[in-house]
Amino acid sequence: MKTHFCIFISILFITMLSACEKKTEREYLSEILENMNKVKSVKYHCVLKSWEPGVNDPVYNEQREIYEHVNPEDTAIGYSFIDAYDKEFKHIQSVYDGTVYTYIEEKGKEILIDDFTRKRPVPFRLIKPKAFYHMKLIIDYALNTNDSIVLSLKDEGKDYLMELTINMPNQVEFFGKAQYIPENPYVYDPTSIYKVWISKENDMPYRYRREMQHNINEEICSNFVYNPSGMEKIIAEDYYPKGYKRYVRGEKSKKPTSDITGKSAPEWTLTDINDRKISLCDIKSKIILLQLTGIGCGPCKTSINFLNRLRDKYDNNDLEIIAVETWIKRKSSSENYIRKNGIKYKFLTADDETIEKLINDYQAGSAVPQFYLIGKDRKILKKTQGYSEKTNDKEIENEIQKHL
């Protein structure tokens, strides 16, 4: 009996000891954050993906090589980074050194520099750290915020998955620190969800996912080198290719544009989701409403109801409605977008070169949506840039009725 009692006490003691040693979720995440604080610079490979909510096929899927370091001199973001296409960091996409953010366009041999002197629509810089320090900001916020959040840590075998749901009136993004995004008329649910995967092998995060009502993106990273030797403080100027034209944001020389109203609509041949070729010259309707749109553009998505109403109201012989996808050229993305949003009109796309030519021919620039009303003689009757339900619906339909 005494022996059994001793065994019982021993088991109870071991159980209590194990319970005492087991860390809480917050204690474990605090240790992760402490580990990350020791990393003053880091180099790694990253796969970047982006989705429309409810769609499995990513509309964006790219690979990058990243180098970033803590930058205590930068009080805005606190980190600097290089985003490159190659491991040698010779082909740079973007670089931020705390003073300027630079985007390098190899195809056009241009360097676009944002020195942050222009007035911004928000009181903070719209620059996010890259994946590693972005994950650090998310974990830090989860542990220290007073916001309304739900935080959990799940055991997924080789990883722990931290899930953070932020229930605030505004979406929360991490531009150096948690920032509350101004209300957006195209966002109806401000819930912000962040997921961070932490490897049990080294107790370091390597993957995160951001889920918003309008967009989902994920970054999966590998080949981390913490505090790499030979990598120095980032100075953006050091990465500018020789012979490239430099422009400061807001001062870039734009190609001369002309008013194309009254001129013949430039010809084009595009493809629908059934792989049928459709040309402007093939369309026999009296009037054509051509929209240049972009998957992921809020105003473009809002305009779908208006265009569907026009499609229901007018006969095909009177009005043909055509939207051209200029952002995401993959057929599967267009198929998902059409199905999800119930698009009733023609939705066309093409390869990069064809779309670029169409944009140039129609003097469109990079902004979407843009609407072109094309008349019976195939001359452009009116061009409308942007979309507001209260004003553009009436404006565009009045023009249609006038010419019918």
Protein backbone atom coordinates (compact mmCIF):
# COMPACT_ATOMS: atom_id res chain seq x y z
CA MET A 1 0.00 0.00 0.00
CA LYS A 2 2.80 2.33 0.94
CA THR A 3 4.59 1.45 -2.30
CA HIS A 4 1.49 2.21 -4.36
CA PHE A 5 1.07 5.52 -2.57
CA CYS A 6 4.69 6.47 -3.34
CA ILE A 7 4.20 5.60 -7.01
CA PHE A 8 1.03 7.70 -7.09
CA ILE A 9 2.84 10.66 -5.52
CA SER A 10 5.69 10.32 -8.01
CA ILE A 11 3.32 10.28 -11.00
CA LEU A 12 1.42 13.25 -9.59
CA PHE A 13 4.67 15.15 -9.08
CA ILE A 14 5.83 14.45 -12.65
CA THR A 15 2.42 15.49 -14.02
CA MET A 16 2.50 18.73 -12.04
CA LEU A 17 6.06 19.39 -13.13
CA SER A 18 5.13 18.87 -16.78
CA ALA A 19 2.16 21.20 -16.39
CA CYS A 20 4.43 23.84 -14.86
CA GLU A 21 6.90 23.50 -17.72
CA LYS A 22 4.26 23.78 -20.45
CA LYS A 23 4.25 27.30 -21.91
CA THR A 24 1.12 29.28 -22.56
CA GLU A 25 0.44 30.52 -26.10
CA ARG A 26 1.50 34.04 -25.19
CA GLU A 27 4.67 32.84 -23.48
CA TYR A 28 5.67 30.86 -26.56
CA LEU A 29 4.89 33.75 -28.92
CA SER A 30 6.87 36.09 -26.66
CA GLU A 31 9.88 33.78 -27.05
CA ILE A 32 9.42 33.84 -30.83
CA LEU A 33 9.35 37.63 -30.76
CA GLU A 34 12.48 37.69 -28.61
CA ASN A 35 14.23 35.44 -31.15
CA MET A 36 13.18 37.73 -34.00
CA ASN A 37 14.43 40.80 -32.13
CA LYS A 38 17.94 39.29 -32.28
CA VAL A 39 17.82 39.34 -36.10
CA LYS A 40 19.25 42.66 -37.26
CA SER A 41 19.31 41.63 -40.93
CA VAL A 42 18.06 38.68 -42.94
CA LYS A 43 18.22 37.28 -46.48
CA TYR A 44 15.76 34.74 -47.89
CA HIS A 45 13.76 33.43 -50.84
CA CYS A 46 10.03 34.18 -50.99
CA VAL A 47 7.02 33.04 -53.03
CA LEU A 48 4.31 35.69 -53.18
CA LYS A 49 0.71 34.85 -54.03
CA SER A 50 -2.52 36.82 -54.17
CA TRP A 51 -6.16 35.77 -54.59
CA GLU A 52 -9.59 37.17 -55.05
CA PRO A 53 -11.67 35.87 -52.08
CA GLY A 54 -13.55 32.72 -53.03
CA VAL A 55 -11.16 31.92 -55.87
CA ASN A 56 -8.55 29.15 -55.59
CA ASP A 57 -6.36 30.13 -58.53
CA PRO A 58 -3.97 32.95 -57.54
CA VAL A 59 -4.09 36.03 -59.75
CA TYR A 60 -0.52 36.80 -58.71
CA ASN A 61 2.24 34.23 -58.21
CA GLU A 62 5.83 35.48 -58.19
CA GLN A 63 9.19 34.59 -56.63
CA ARG A 64 11.63 37.05 -55.11
CA GLU A 65 14.93 37.23 -53.26
CA ILE A 66 14.72 39.51 -50.24
CA TYR A 67 17.26 41.27 -48.06
CA GLU A 68 16.09 43.49 -45.23
CA HIS A 69 17.57 44.98 -42.10
CA VAL A 70 16.56 46.93 -39.04
CA ASN A 71 16.91 50.65 -39.70
CA PRO A 72 16.71 52.61 -36.44
CA GLU A 73 17.25 55.87 -38.33
CA ASP A 74 13.92 55.39 -40.11
CA THR A 75 11.18 56.45 -37.70
CA ALA A 76 8.44 55.78 -40.27
CA ILE A 77 8.88 52.05 -40.96
CA GLY A 78 11.96 51.02 -38.98
CA TYR A 79 13.25 48.62 -41.64
CA SER A 80 14.91 48.82 -45.06
CA PHE A 81 14.76 46.23 -47.81
CA ILE A 82 15.77 45.09 -51.28
CA ASP A 83 13.33 43.09 -53.40
CA ALA A 84 15.17 41.34 -56.27
CA TYR A 85 14.55 38.81 -59.02
CA ASP A 86 17.92 37.07 -58.56
CA LYS A 87 20.06 35.75 -55.70
CA GLU A 88 22.91 38.11 -56.58
CA PHE A 89 20.61 41.16 -56.16
CA LYS A 90 21.61 42.51 -59.57
CA HIS A 91 18.08 42.67 -60.96
CA ILE A 92 16.15 44.77 -58.48
CA GLN A 93 12.42 45.32 -58.48
CA SER A 94 12.29 47.73 -55.54
CA VAL A 95 14.43 49.12 -52.75
CA TYR A 96 13.63 51.14 -49.64
CA ASP A 97 16.36 52.73 -47.54
CA GLY A 98 14.30 54.83 -45.14
CA THR A 99 14.69 57.98 -47.20
CA VAL A 100 13.27 56.92 -50.57
CA TYR A 101 11.31 54.04 -52.02
CA THR A 102 12.39 53.18 -55.53
CA TYR A 103 10.76 50.97 -58.17
CA ILE A 104 13.03 49.90 -61.01
CA GLU A 105 11.46 49.11 -64.37
CA GLU A 106 13.94 47.07 -66.40
CA LYS A 107 11.80 46.89 -69.53
CA GLY A 108 11.45 50.64 -69.85
CA LYS A 109 14.85 51.33 -68.25
CA GLU A 110 13.27 53.70 -65.74
CA ILE A 111 13.78 54.41 -62.06
CA LEU A 112 10.72 55.76 -60.25
CA ILE A 113 11.64 57.39 -56.93
CA ASP A 114 9.24 58.26 -54.13
CA ASP A 115 10.91 60.70 -51.76
CA PHE A 116 7.71 61.10 -49.69
CA THR A 117 7.56 64.84 -50.21
CA ARG A 118 4.21 64.68 -51.99
CA LYS A 119 1.04 64.98 -49.95
CA ARG A 120 -0.22 61.51 -49.03
CA PRO A 121 -3.86 60.37 -48.71
CA VAL A 122 -3.04 58.91 -45.28
CA PRO A 123 -0.81 60.18 -42.44
CA PHE A 124 1.68 57.32 -42.82
CA ARG A 125 3.95 55.94 -45.51
CA LEU A 126 2.32 53.26 -47.62
CA ILE A 127 5.38 51.02 -47.32
CA LYS A 128 5.34 47.61 -45.64
CA PRO A 129 8.40 45.68 -44.47
CA LYS A 130 9.00 42.47 -46.35
CA ALA A 131 7.86 39.09 -45.02
CA PHE A 132 10.21 38.51 -42.07
CA TYR A 133 9.80 41.84 -40.34
CA HIS A 134 6.17 41.98 -41.42
CA MET A 135 5.58 38.77 -39.44
CA LYS A 136 7.44 40.28 -36.51
CA LEU A 137 5.09 43.28 -36.53
CA ILE A 138 2.04 41.00 -36.63
CA ILE A 139 3.23 38.93 -33.65
CA ASP A 140 4.22 42.03 -31.68
CA TYR A 141 0.79 43.57 -32.29
CA ALA A 142 -0.99 40.33 -31.31
CA LEU A 143 0.81 40.27 -27.96
CA ASN A 144 0.57 43.94 -27.06
CA THR A 145 -2.52 45.50 -28.61
CA ASN A 146 -5.61 46.61 -26.72
CA ASP A 147 -7.74 46.18 -29.85
CA SER A 148 -10.53 43.63 -30.03
CA ILE A 149 -8.79 40.48 -31.27
CA VAL A 150 -9.07 36.72 -31.18
CA LEU A 151 -5.68 34.98 -30.93
CA SER A 152 -4.98 31.26 -31.10
CA LEU A 153 -2.00 28.92 -31.56
CA LYS A 154 -2.60 25.54 -33.19
CA ASP A 155 -0.26 22.56 -33.36
CA GLU A 156 0.04 21.45 -36.99
CA GLY A 157 2.71 18.81 -36.62
CA LYS A 158 5.95 20.36 -37.82
CA ASP A 159 4.58 23.87 -37.38
CA TYR A 160 2.57 26.02 -35.02
CA LEU A 161 -0.09 28.15 -36.69
CA MET A 162 -0.85 31.49 -35.09
CA GLU A 163 -4.25 32.84 -36.10
CA LEU A 164 -5.13 36.46 -35.41
CA THR A 165 -8.57 37.91 -36.11
CA ILE A 166 -8.92 41.68 -35.64
CA ASN A 167 -12.46 42.92 -35.03
CA MET A 168 -12.20 46.68 -35.41
CA PRO A 169 -14.27 49.29 -37.30
CA ASN A 170 -11.37 49.70 -39.75
CA GLN A 171 -9.10 47.19 -41.42
CA VAL A 172 -5.66 46.93 -39.83
CA GLU A 173 -2.50 46.85 -41.97
CA PHE A 174 1.13 46.89 -40.88
CA PHE A 175 2.93 49.87 -42.39
CA GLY A 176 5.80 49.90 -39.91
CA LYS A 177 3.25 49.50 -37.14
CA ALA A 178 -0.43 48.71 -37.01
CA GLN A 179 -2.34 51.34 -39.00
CA TYR A 180 -6.09 51.75 -39.21
CA ILE A 181 -7.10 52.05 -42.84
CA PRO A 182 -9.63 54.78 -43.71
CA GLU A 183 -13.10 53.56 -44.59
CA ASN A 184 -13.37 52.26 -48.13
CA PRO A 185 -16.74 52.34 -49.97
CA TYR A 186 -15.77 49.08 -51.71
CA VAL A 187 -15.10 47.22 -48.45
CA TYR A 188 -18.12 46.14 -46.43
CA ASP A 189 -16.47 43.91 -43.83
CA PRO A 190 -13.48 45.46 -42.01
CA THR A 191 -12.43 42.19 -40.31
CA SER A 192 -8.68 41.61 -40.69
CA ILE A 193 -7.29 38.08 -40.44
CA TYR A 194 -3.60 37.21 -40.22
CA LYS A 195 -2.05 33.73 -40.04
CA VAL A 196 1.60 33.06 -39.25
CA TRP A 197 3.26 29.64 -39.51
CA ILE A 198 6.13 29.03 -37.08
CA SER A 199 8.56 26.18 -37.66
CA LYS A 200 9.15 23.95 -34.62
CA GLU A 201 12.60 23.21 -36.01
CA ASN A 202 14.00 26.64 -35.16
CA ASP A 203 11.06 28.48 -33.55
CA MET A 204 11.01 31.05 -36.33
CA PRO A 205 8.12 32.11 -38.59
CA TYR A 206 8.47 31.44 -42.31
CA ARG A 207 5.02 31.95 -43.82
CA TYR A 208 2.11 34.32 -43.37
CA ARG A 209 -1.31 34.85 -44.89
CA ARG A 210 -3.41 38.01 -44.86
CA GLU A 211 -7.15 37.68 -45.42
CA MET A 212 -9.32 40.71 -46.12
CA GLN A 213 -12.78 40.97 -47.62
CA HIS A 214 -11.39 42.32 -50.89
CA ASN A 215 -8.08 40.47 -51.14
CA ILE A 216 -6.04 37.53 -49.82
CA ASN A 217 -2.28 37.30 -50.09
CA GLU A 218 0.32 34.88 -48.81
CA GLU A 219 4.11 34.78 -48.63
CA ILE A 220 6.00 31.51 -48.17
CA CYS A 221 9.69 31.98 -47.41
CA SER A 222 12.71 29.67 -47.25
CA ASN A 223 16.53 29.60 -47.21
CA PHE A 224 16.77 32.13 -44.40
CA VAL A 225 20.21 33.50 -43.58
CA TYR A 226 20.02 35.48 -40.35
CA ASN A 227 22.49 38.34 -39.83
CA PRO A 228 24.36 37.45 -43.06
CA SER A 229 27.96 38.57 -43.38
CA GLY A 230 28.92 40.86 -46.25
CA MET A 231 25.50 42.52 -46.45
CA GLU A 232 25.72 46.19 -45.58
CA LYS A 233 23.33 49.00 -44.82
CA ILE A 234 21.01 49.59 -47.76
CA ILE A 235 21.46 52.79 -49.73
CA ALA A 236 18.98 52.96 -52.62
CA GLU A 237 21.35 54.90 -54.89
CA ASP A 238 23.78 51.98 -54.89
CA TYR A 239 21.24 49.80 -56.70
CA TYR A 240 20.26 52.17 -59.51
CA PRO A 241 21.29 50.70 -62.89
CA LYS A 242 23.46 52.93 -65.05
CA GLY A 243 21.81 54.55 -68.04
CA TYR A 244 18.28 54.39 -66.64
CA LYS A 245 16.10 57.50 -66.63
CA ARG A 246 15.20 58.74 -63.15
CA TYR A 247 11.87 60.22 -62.20
CA VAL A 248 10.64 61.52 -58.86
CA ARG A 249 7.10 60.39 -58.12
CA GLY A 250 4.64 63.02 -59.24
CA GLU A 251 7.14 64.61 -61.59
CA LYS A 252 7.50 61.82 -64.13
CA SER A 253 7.26 63.10 -67.67
CA LYS A 254 4.13 61.66 -69.17
CA LYS A 255 3.73 60.76 -72.79
CA PRO A 256 1.86 63.55 -74.54
CA THR A 257 -1.83 62.75 -74.65
CA SER A 258 -4.46 64.08 -76.95
CA ASP A 259 -8.22 64.24 -76.86
CA ILE A 260 -9.31 61.19 -78.83
CA THR A 261 -12.99 62.13 -78.74
CA GLY A 262 -14.25 62.34 -82.31
CA LYS A 263 -11.45 60.18 -83.66
CA SER A 264 -11.78 56.67 -85.04
CA ALA A 265 -11.57 54.01 -82.35
CA PRO A 266 -8.29 52.08 -82.77
CA GLU A 267 -8.79 48.51 -83.98
CA TRP A 268 -8.10 45.54 -81.72
CA THR A 269 -8.47 41.76 -81.60
CA LEU A 270 -8.99 40.14 -78.21
CA THR A 271 -10.06 36.77 -76.79
CA ASP A 272 -13.09 35.72 -74.74
CA ILE A 273 -13.09 32.94 -72.11
CA ASN A 274 -14.07 30.42 -74.81
CA ASP A 275 -10.90 31.28 -76.76
CA ARG A 276 -12.88 32.99 -79.52
CA LYS A 277 -11.19 35.90 -81.23
CA ILE A 278 -13.27 39.06 -81.24
CA SER A 279 -12.27 42.17 -83.19
CA LEU A 280 -13.72 45.66 -83.07
CA CYS A 281 -14.52 45.45 -86.79
CA ASP A 282 -16.63 42.30 -86.18
CA ILE A 283 -19.10 44.05 -83.89
CA LYS A 284 -22.29 45.14 -85.68
CA SER A 285 -24.18 46.97 -82.94
CA LYS A 286 -25.01 50.65 -83.34
CA ILE A 287 -23.18 51.70 -80.18
CA ILE A 288 -20.30 50.06 -78.28
CA LEU A 289 -19.48 50.72 -74.64
CA LEU A 290 -15.86 49.65 -74.11
CA GLN A 291 -14.55 49.42 -70.55
CA LEU A 292 -10.91 48.95 -69.58
CA THR A 293 -11.04 47.19 -66.22
CA GLY A 294 -8.84 45.36 -63.69
CA ILE A 295 -9.50 42.35 -61.47
CA GLY A 296 -8.96 43.64 -57.93
CA CYS A 297 -10.06 47.21 -58.73
CA GLY A 298 -12.85 48.28 -56.35
CA PRO A 299 -14.63 50.81 -58.61
CA CYS A 300 -14.41 48.34 -61.53
CA LYS A 301 -16.17 45.70 -59.46
CA THR A 302 -18.83 48.17 -58.34
CA SER A 303 -19.55 49.09 -61.98
CA ILE A 304 -20.55 45.48 -62.83
CA ASN A 305 -24.14 45.98 -61.62
CA PHE A 306 -24.48 49.06 -63.84
CA LEU A 307 -23.12 47.27 -66.91
CA ASN A 308 -25.35 44.25 -66.26
CA ARG A 309 -28.38 46.57 -66.08
CA LEU A 310 -27.43 48.09 -69.43
CA ARG A 311 -27.04 44.61 -70.91
CA ASP A 312 -30.55 43.67 -69.74
CA LYS A 313 -32.09 46.94 -70.90
CA TYR A 314 -30.71 47.35 -74.42
CA ASP A 315 -30.83 45.01 -77.40
CA ASN A 316 -27.51 43.67 -78.72
CA ASN A 317 -28.19 45.32 -82.06
CA ASP A 318 -28.33 48.70 -80.33
CA LEU A 319 -25.63 48.38 -77.68
CA GLU A 320 -22.70 46.03 -77.25
CA ILE A 321 -20.89 46.10 -73.92
CA ILE A 322 -17.28 44.92 -73.75
CA ALA A 323 -14.94 44.88 -70.77
CA VAL A 324 -11.22 44.34 -71.34
CA GLU A 325 -9.16 42.92 -68.45
CA THR A 326 -5.91 44.91 -68.34
CA TRP A 327 -4.39 43.80 -65.02
CA ILE A 328 -4.58 40.00 -64.79
CA LYS A 329 -4.30 38.33 -68.19
CA ARG A 330 -4.79 34.70 -67.18
CA LYS A 331 -7.89 33.06 -68.61
CA SER A 332 -8.68 31.20 -65.36
CA SER A 333 -8.74 34.48 -63.42
CA SER A 334 -11.22 35.98 -65.87
CA GLU A 335 -13.39 32.86 -65.73
CA ASN A 336 -13.54 33.01 -61.94
CA TYR A 337 -14.24 36.74 -61.96
CA ILE A 338 -17.08 36.38 -64.49
CA ARG A 339 -18.68 33.50 -62.60
CA LYS A 340 -18.32 35.03 -59.16
CA ASN A 341 -19.74 38.42 -60.16
CA GLY A 342 -22.43 37.22 -62.58
CA ILE A 343 -21.09 39.24 -65.53
CA LYS A 344 -23.55 39.20 -68.46
CA TYR A 345 -21.56 41.16 -71.02
CA LYS A 346 -18.46 40.30 -73.06
CA PHE A 347 -15.31 40.09 -70.94
CA LEU A 348 -12.14 39.92 -73.01
CA THR A 349 -8.41 39.73 -72.46
CA ALA A 350 -5.17 39.13 -74.37
CA ASP A 351 -1.42 38.80 -73.92
CA ASP A 352 0.67 41.57 -72.35
CA GLU A 353 1.82 43.04 -75.65
CA THR A 354 -1.70 43.29 -77.09
CA ILE A 355 -3.12 44.85 -73.93
CA GLU A 356 -0.24 47.33 -73.73
CA LYS A 357 -0.87 48.38 -77.32
CA LEU A 358 -4.59 48.82 -76.69
CA ILE A 359 -3.89 50.99 -73.64
CA ASN A 360 -1.47 53.14 -75.65
CA ASP A 361 -3.83 53.39 -78.64
CA TYR A 362 -6.70 54.54 -76.44
CA GLN A 363 -4.53 57.00 -74.46
CA ALA A 364 -5.66 55.22 -71.30
CA GLY A 365 -2.63 55.35 -69.00
CA SER A 366 -2.58 52.98 -66.02
CA ALA A 367 -5.82 53.95 -64.27
CA VAL A 368 -8.99 51.85 -64.40
CA PRO A 369 -11.85 51.78 -64.97
CA GLN A 370 -12.12 53.79 -68.16
CA PHE A 371 -15.14 53.87 -70.44
CA TYR A 372 -15.22 54.64 -74.16
CA LEU A 373 -18.53 55.13 -75.95
CA ILE A 374 -18.03 54.29 -79.62
CA GLY A 375 -20.63 55.39 -82.19
CA LYS A 376 -22.14 53.94 -85.37
CA ASP A 377 -19.27 55.25 -87.48
CA ARG A 378 -16.85 53.72 -84.95
CA LYS A 379 -15.66 57.09 -83.75
CA ILE A 380 -15.20 57.74 -80.05
CA LEU A 381 -18.15 59.74 -78.75
CA LYS A 382 -17.08 60.09 -75.13
CA LYS A 383 -14.36 58.98 -72.73
CA THR A 384 -15.06 58.63 -68.98
CA GLN A 385 -12.36 57.89 -66.44
CA GLY A 386 -13.17 56.39 -63.04
CA TYR A 387 -16.53 55.27 -61.74
CA SER A 388 -18.98 56.63 -59.20
CA GLU A 389 -22.40 55.00 -59.08
CA LYS A 390 -24.23 58.24 -58.34
CA THR A 391 -22.79 60.22 -61.26
CA ASN A 392 -21.37 57.97 -63.98
CA ASP A 393 -24.43 55.73 -64.40
CA LYS A 394 -26.62 58.62 -65.45
CA GLU A 395 -23.88 60.36 -67.42
CA ILE A 396 -23.00 57.31 -69.52
CA GLU A 397 -26.58 56.18 -70.13
CA ASN A 398 -27.69 59.69 -71.17
CA GLU A 399 -24.93 59.63 -73.76
CA ILE A 400 -26.03 56.19 -74.99
CA GLN A 401 -29.66 57.30 -75.39
CA LYS A 402 -28.64 60.49 -77.16
CA HIS A 403 -26.79 58.58 -79.86
CA LEU A 404 -29.37 55.83 -80.24
